[in-house]
Each structure stands twice: as structure tokens, then as C-alpha cells.
Amino acid sequence: MRTIKLKAIILSIFTLVAVNAMAQTKEHTSSNIELKSISPIEKVGYKKLKSSHWVSRTEILIDATPEQVWSVLNDTKSYPDWNEIIVKMDGKIVDKGKVDVLFKAGPKAKPRLYHNNLVVKDGVEFYWSEKQAMGIKDRHSFSVEPTDDGKTKFIQADQTKGGATWLLGKTISKRVIKVYPIFNQSLKAEVEKRYLKK
């Protein structure tokens, strides 16, 4: 009888852990953030998931196919020619590849060099995760999604976790939704310049 009760308790614990893990996996995506429009083709938003976990998301509609947007994202050598946020990226967008990124947290900010290891789902998404000051872990992602009318929704998102996120998470998220749209707008302009028929 004791063994049966113990097994039932253990099974209940495993079930609770599994359900919680599934809920957290679903919760931790940036797609469940309530976004606000900043233009007819752009949306931004951020959300606190836990005291030490914030997510931010920016979107823009690009008048080109996902393949065309992806090809410009992959053309890392051209980054200095068309945007002022990721002013340089050395390396190729390949899974488990490495890139050196010269990033500015705004047009007037001083550039900082980051050495990033990539995770890539070819033609869909790439991201890097890095540890920043005060123990904060940052996951920065770029993804493309097709729309029903043949265009592309480009998403640039961020997750900050751990360390001093409990203190700085909101500040970081607010900065992200101001800075990332600058890159997004530049990407849109470059893609449409290359691919739209004149």
C-alpha cells in the first residue's frame, strides 16, 4: 500500500513538472507579447515573464519574399553599406558558425564588438546568445515569416535572463524596441532596393 502511494506521488510530481515545462516553453516565446503599432507596417512590444526574464519583439513588413530577405541578411559583407546599428558583421550565417558583430545601441552610441556563436535554421531564423555585464544572458534573434500576400514579416527579438535582469530588464527592453526598428527599416529599404522591380 505504501509503495502504491509513493508511486502515485512520484507520478503526480513528474506530471506537474512536465506540464510546467510545457507551459514555460510556450510562455517563453516572443510571439505572445502584446504589440503596438509604430507605423502601418511596424510593431513593437516587450513583456516581463518572470522577475529575471524579459522578452522584446520588433516586426516590420517587407515587400519581398522570405528568400530575398534571407539573402540580404546572409550578405554580411554589405552590412556597413546599408545600416548604422549592426555596422559590421564578419563571418557567415551558418549553424554553429561564429560571427564578430560591431553593434551600436543607437545611432549616436559607441560601437561595441561582440563575438557570437550562431544557431541557424536556414532560411527561417538565426540567433546568438551571450553573457553580458552583471551576469545577464542575452538571446538576440532574427527571423523571417511569409505572409499570405507574398511579403515577409521580419522579426528581430531579444530575451534577457538571469543576473541583474530583475533590475535592468525593463530598461533593456525599452532600449531594444527603440533601436531594433532602425535596423529593421534599413533592412527593408535594402531588400526592396535590390529586389523590387522599377
Protein backbone atom coordinates (compact mmCIF):
# COMPACT_ATOMS: atom_id res chain seq x y z
CA MET A 1 0.00 0.00 0.00
CA ARG A 2 2.84 2.34 0.90
CA THR A 3 4.57 1.55 -2.40
CA ILE A 4 1.42 2.36 -4.37
CA LYS A 5 1.04 5.73 -2.60
CA LEU A 6 4.70 6.56 -3.18
CA LYS A 7 4.39 5.71 -6.90
CA ALA A 8 1.26 7.87 -7.16
CA ILE A 9 3.06 10.80 -5.51
CA ILE A 10 6.09 10.41 -7.79
CA LEU A 11 3.83 10.19 -10.87
CA SER A 12 1.99 13.35 -9.76
CA ILE A 13 5.27 15.23 -9.33
CA PHE A 14 6.51 14.16 -12.79
CA THR A 15 3.19 15.22 -14.33
CA LEU A 16 3.35 18.65 -12.67
CA VAL A 17 6.96 19.14 -13.78
CA ALA A 18 6.11 18.14 -17.37
CA VAL A 19 3.06 20.42 -17.55
CA ASN A 20 5.05 23.31 -16.06
CA ALA A 21 7.91 22.75 -18.52
CA MET A 22 5.46 22.76 -21.46
CA ALA A 23 3.81 25.93 -20.18
CA GLN A 24 7.16 27.66 -19.72
CA THR A 25 8.31 26.63 -23.20
CA LYS A 26 5.16 28.13 -24.68
CA GLU A 27 5.37 31.19 -22.44
CA HIS A 28 8.98 31.97 -23.31
CA THR A 29 8.38 32.69 -26.97
CA SER A 30 8.28 36.32 -28.01
CA SER A 31 5.13 35.74 -30.08
CA ASN A 32 2.77 36.11 -27.11
CA ILE A 33 3.74 39.72 -26.46
CA GLU A 34 1.05 42.35 -26.97
CA LEU A 35 2.49 44.54 -29.72
CA LYS A 36 1.72 48.16 -30.54
CA SER A 37 1.93 49.69 -34.00
CA ILE A 38 4.57 52.36 -34.52
CA SER A 39 3.73 52.70 -38.22
CA PRO A 40 1.33 50.97 -40.64
CA ILE A 41 3.95 48.25 -41.25
CA GLU A 42 5.77 48.06 -37.89
CA LYS A 43 5.01 46.74 -34.42
CA VAL A 44 6.99 46.59 -31.18
CA GLY A 45 6.50 45.32 -27.66
CA TYR A 46 8.05 43.79 -24.59
CA LYS A 47 6.92 41.68 -21.67
CA LYS A 48 8.14 40.57 -18.27
CA LEU A 49 7.78 36.79 -17.98
CA LYS A 50 9.48 36.49 -14.60
CA SER A 51 11.46 38.86 -12.41
CA SER A 52 14.64 37.78 -14.21
CA HIS A 53 13.25 37.09 -17.69
CA TRP A 54 12.10 39.75 -20.17
CA VAL A 55 11.31 39.39 -23.87
CA SER A 56 11.19 42.09 -26.56
CA ARG A 57 9.93 41.86 -30.13
CA THR A 58 10.02 44.14 -33.16
CA GLU A 59 8.38 43.44 -36.54
CA ILE A 60 8.32 45.01 -39.97
CA LEU A 61 6.61 44.03 -43.23
CA ILE A 62 8.96 43.84 -46.21
CA ASP A 63 7.70 43.83 -49.78
CA ALA A 64 9.79 40.82 -50.82
CA THR A 65 9.84 37.07 -50.33
CA PRO A 66 11.42 35.45 -47.24
CA GLU A 67 14.14 34.04 -49.51
CA GLN A 68 15.03 37.52 -50.71
CA VAL A 69 15.11 38.94 -47.18
CA TRP A 70 17.21 35.97 -46.04
CA SER A 71 19.69 36.55 -48.87
CA VAL A 72 20.31 40.14 -47.72
CA LEU A 73 20.68 39.01 -44.09
CA ASN A 74 23.24 36.46 -45.31
CA ASP A 75 25.20 39.10 -47.21
CA THR A 76 27.11 40.10 -44.09
CA LYS A 77 29.85 41.91 -46.01
CA SER A 78 27.32 44.51 -47.18
CA TYR A 79 26.04 45.42 -43.67
CA PRO A 80 28.22 48.56 -43.37
CA ASP A 81 26.74 49.88 -46.63
CA TRP A 82 23.12 49.98 -45.54
CA ASN A 83 22.65 50.18 -41.77
CA GLU A 84 24.00 52.05 -38.76
CA ILE A 85 23.16 49.61 -35.95
CA ILE A 86 25.00 46.41 -36.92
CA VAL A 87 27.75 48.38 -38.57
CA LYS A 88 29.89 45.34 -39.32
CA MET A 89 29.48 41.57 -39.24
CA ASP A 90 32.41 39.29 -40.02
CA GLY A 91 31.55 35.66 -40.61
CA LYS A 92 28.87 33.61 -42.32
CA ILE A 93 25.32 32.89 -41.18
CA VAL A 94 25.71 29.12 -40.76
CA ASP A 95 24.67 26.84 -37.94
CA LYS A 96 27.38 26.58 -35.25
CA GLY A 97 29.31 29.28 -37.08
CA LYS A 98 30.94 32.29 -35.45
CA VAL A 99 30.44 35.96 -36.24
CA ASP A 100 32.10 39.10 -34.94
CA VAL A 101 29.47 41.82 -34.67
CA LEU A 102 30.16 45.53 -34.28
CA PHE A 103 26.92 46.76 -32.71
CA LYS A 104 25.69 50.23 -31.82
CA ALA A 105 22.87 50.60 -29.30
CA GLY A 106 21.60 53.64 -31.23
CA PRO A 107 22.90 55.96 -33.98
CA LYS A 108 24.92 58.08 -31.53
CA ALA A 109 26.16 55.20 -29.35
CA LYS A 110 29.74 53.99 -29.31
CA PRO A 111 30.15 50.68 -31.22
CA ARG A 112 30.93 47.54 -29.21
CA LEU A 113 32.42 44.35 -30.62
CA TYR A 114 30.75 41.04 -29.77
CA HIS A 115 31.99 37.53 -30.61
CA ASN A 116 28.94 35.33 -31.15
CA ASN A 117 28.25 31.65 -31.78
CA LEU A 118 25.29 31.16 -34.10
CA VAL A 119 22.33 28.83 -34.11
CA VAL A 120 20.73 28.82 -37.56
CA LYS A 121 17.56 27.31 -39.00
CA ASP A 122 18.41 28.01 -42.62
CA GLY A 123 16.03 30.34 -44.38
CA VAL A 124 13.96 30.87 -41.23
CA GLU A 125 15.90 32.14 -38.20
CA PHE A 126 19.30 32.75 -36.70
CA TYR A 127 20.26 33.84 -33.22
CA TRP A 128 23.12 34.16 -30.80
CA SER A 129 23.25 34.04 -27.02
CA GLU A 130 25.85 35.84 -24.99
CA LYS A 131 26.62 36.73 -21.43
CA GLN A 132 26.75 40.45 -20.80
CA ALA A 133 27.67 42.62 -17.83
CA MET A 134 26.21 41.82 -14.42
CA GLY A 135 25.52 38.18 -15.36
CA ILE A 136 22.73 38.97 -17.84
CA LYS A 137 22.30 36.40 -20.60
CA ASP A 138 21.01 37.84 -23.87
CA ARG A 139 19.47 35.91 -26.78
CA HIS A 140 19.20 38.03 -29.95
CA SER A 141 17.24 36.56 -32.86
CA PHE A 142 16.38 37.42 -36.46
CA SER A 143 13.60 35.56 -38.28
CA VAL A 144 11.55 35.71 -41.46
CA GLU A 145 7.94 34.61 -41.91
CA PRO A 146 5.93 34.53 -45.13
CA THR A 147 2.68 36.49 -45.22
CA ASP A 148 -0.47 35.50 -47.10
CA ASP A 149 0.10 38.22 -49.71
CA GLY A 150 3.60 37.08 -50.66
CA LYS A 151 5.51 39.52 -48.47
CA THR A 152 7.70 38.87 -45.43
CA LYS A 153 7.31 39.64 -41.77
CA PHE A 154 10.81 40.25 -40.43
CA ILE A 155 11.13 39.80 -36.68
CA GLN A 156 14.03 40.93 -34.56
CA ALA A 157 13.60 39.82 -30.96
CA ASP A 158 15.52 39.68 -27.71
CA GLN A 159 15.38 37.74 -24.45
CA THR A 160 17.25 38.75 -21.33
CA LYS A 161 17.55 36.34 -18.43
CA GLY A 162 19.38 35.92 -15.15
CA GLY A 163 21.89 38.11 -13.39
CA ALA A 164 20.72 41.67 -12.93
CA THR A 165 17.77 41.26 -15.32
CA TRP A 166 15.46 41.68 -12.32
CA LEU A 167 16.86 45.21 -12.01
CA LEU A 168 17.60 46.17 -15.64
CA GLY A 169 15.19 44.03 -17.70
CA LYS A 170 12.65 46.77 -18.36
CA THR A 171 15.33 49.34 -19.22
CA ILE A 172 16.97 46.93 -21.68
CA SER A 173 13.62 46.03 -23.26
CA LYS A 174 12.67 49.69 -23.73
CA ARG A 175 16.00 50.36 -25.44
CA VAL A 176 15.62 47.30 -27.69
CA ILE A 177 12.25 48.40 -29.08
CA LYS A 178 13.74 51.82 -29.94
CA VAL A 179 16.98 50.57 -31.52
CA TYR A 180 15.97 47.42 -33.42
CA PRO A 181 13.41 49.21 -35.64
CA ILE A 182 16.26 51.34 -37.01
CA PHE A 183 17.94 48.17 -38.32
CA ASN A 184 14.59 46.74 -39.47
CA GLN A 185 13.79 49.86 -41.54
CA SER A 186 17.25 49.81 -43.10
CA LEU A 187 16.89 46.12 -43.94
CA LYS A 188 13.51 46.76 -45.58
CA ALA A 189 14.97 49.60 -47.67
CA GLU A 190 17.94 47.48 -48.78
CA VAL A 191 15.87 44.39 -49.67
CA GLU A 192 13.32 46.40 -51.62
CA LYS A 193 16.05 48.34 -53.42
CA ARG A 194 17.63 45.08 -54.55
CA TYR A 195 14.52 43.13 -55.49
CA LEU A 196 11.57 45.39 -56.28
CA LYS A 197 11.03 45.89 -59.99
CA LYS A 198 11.30 49.52 -61.02
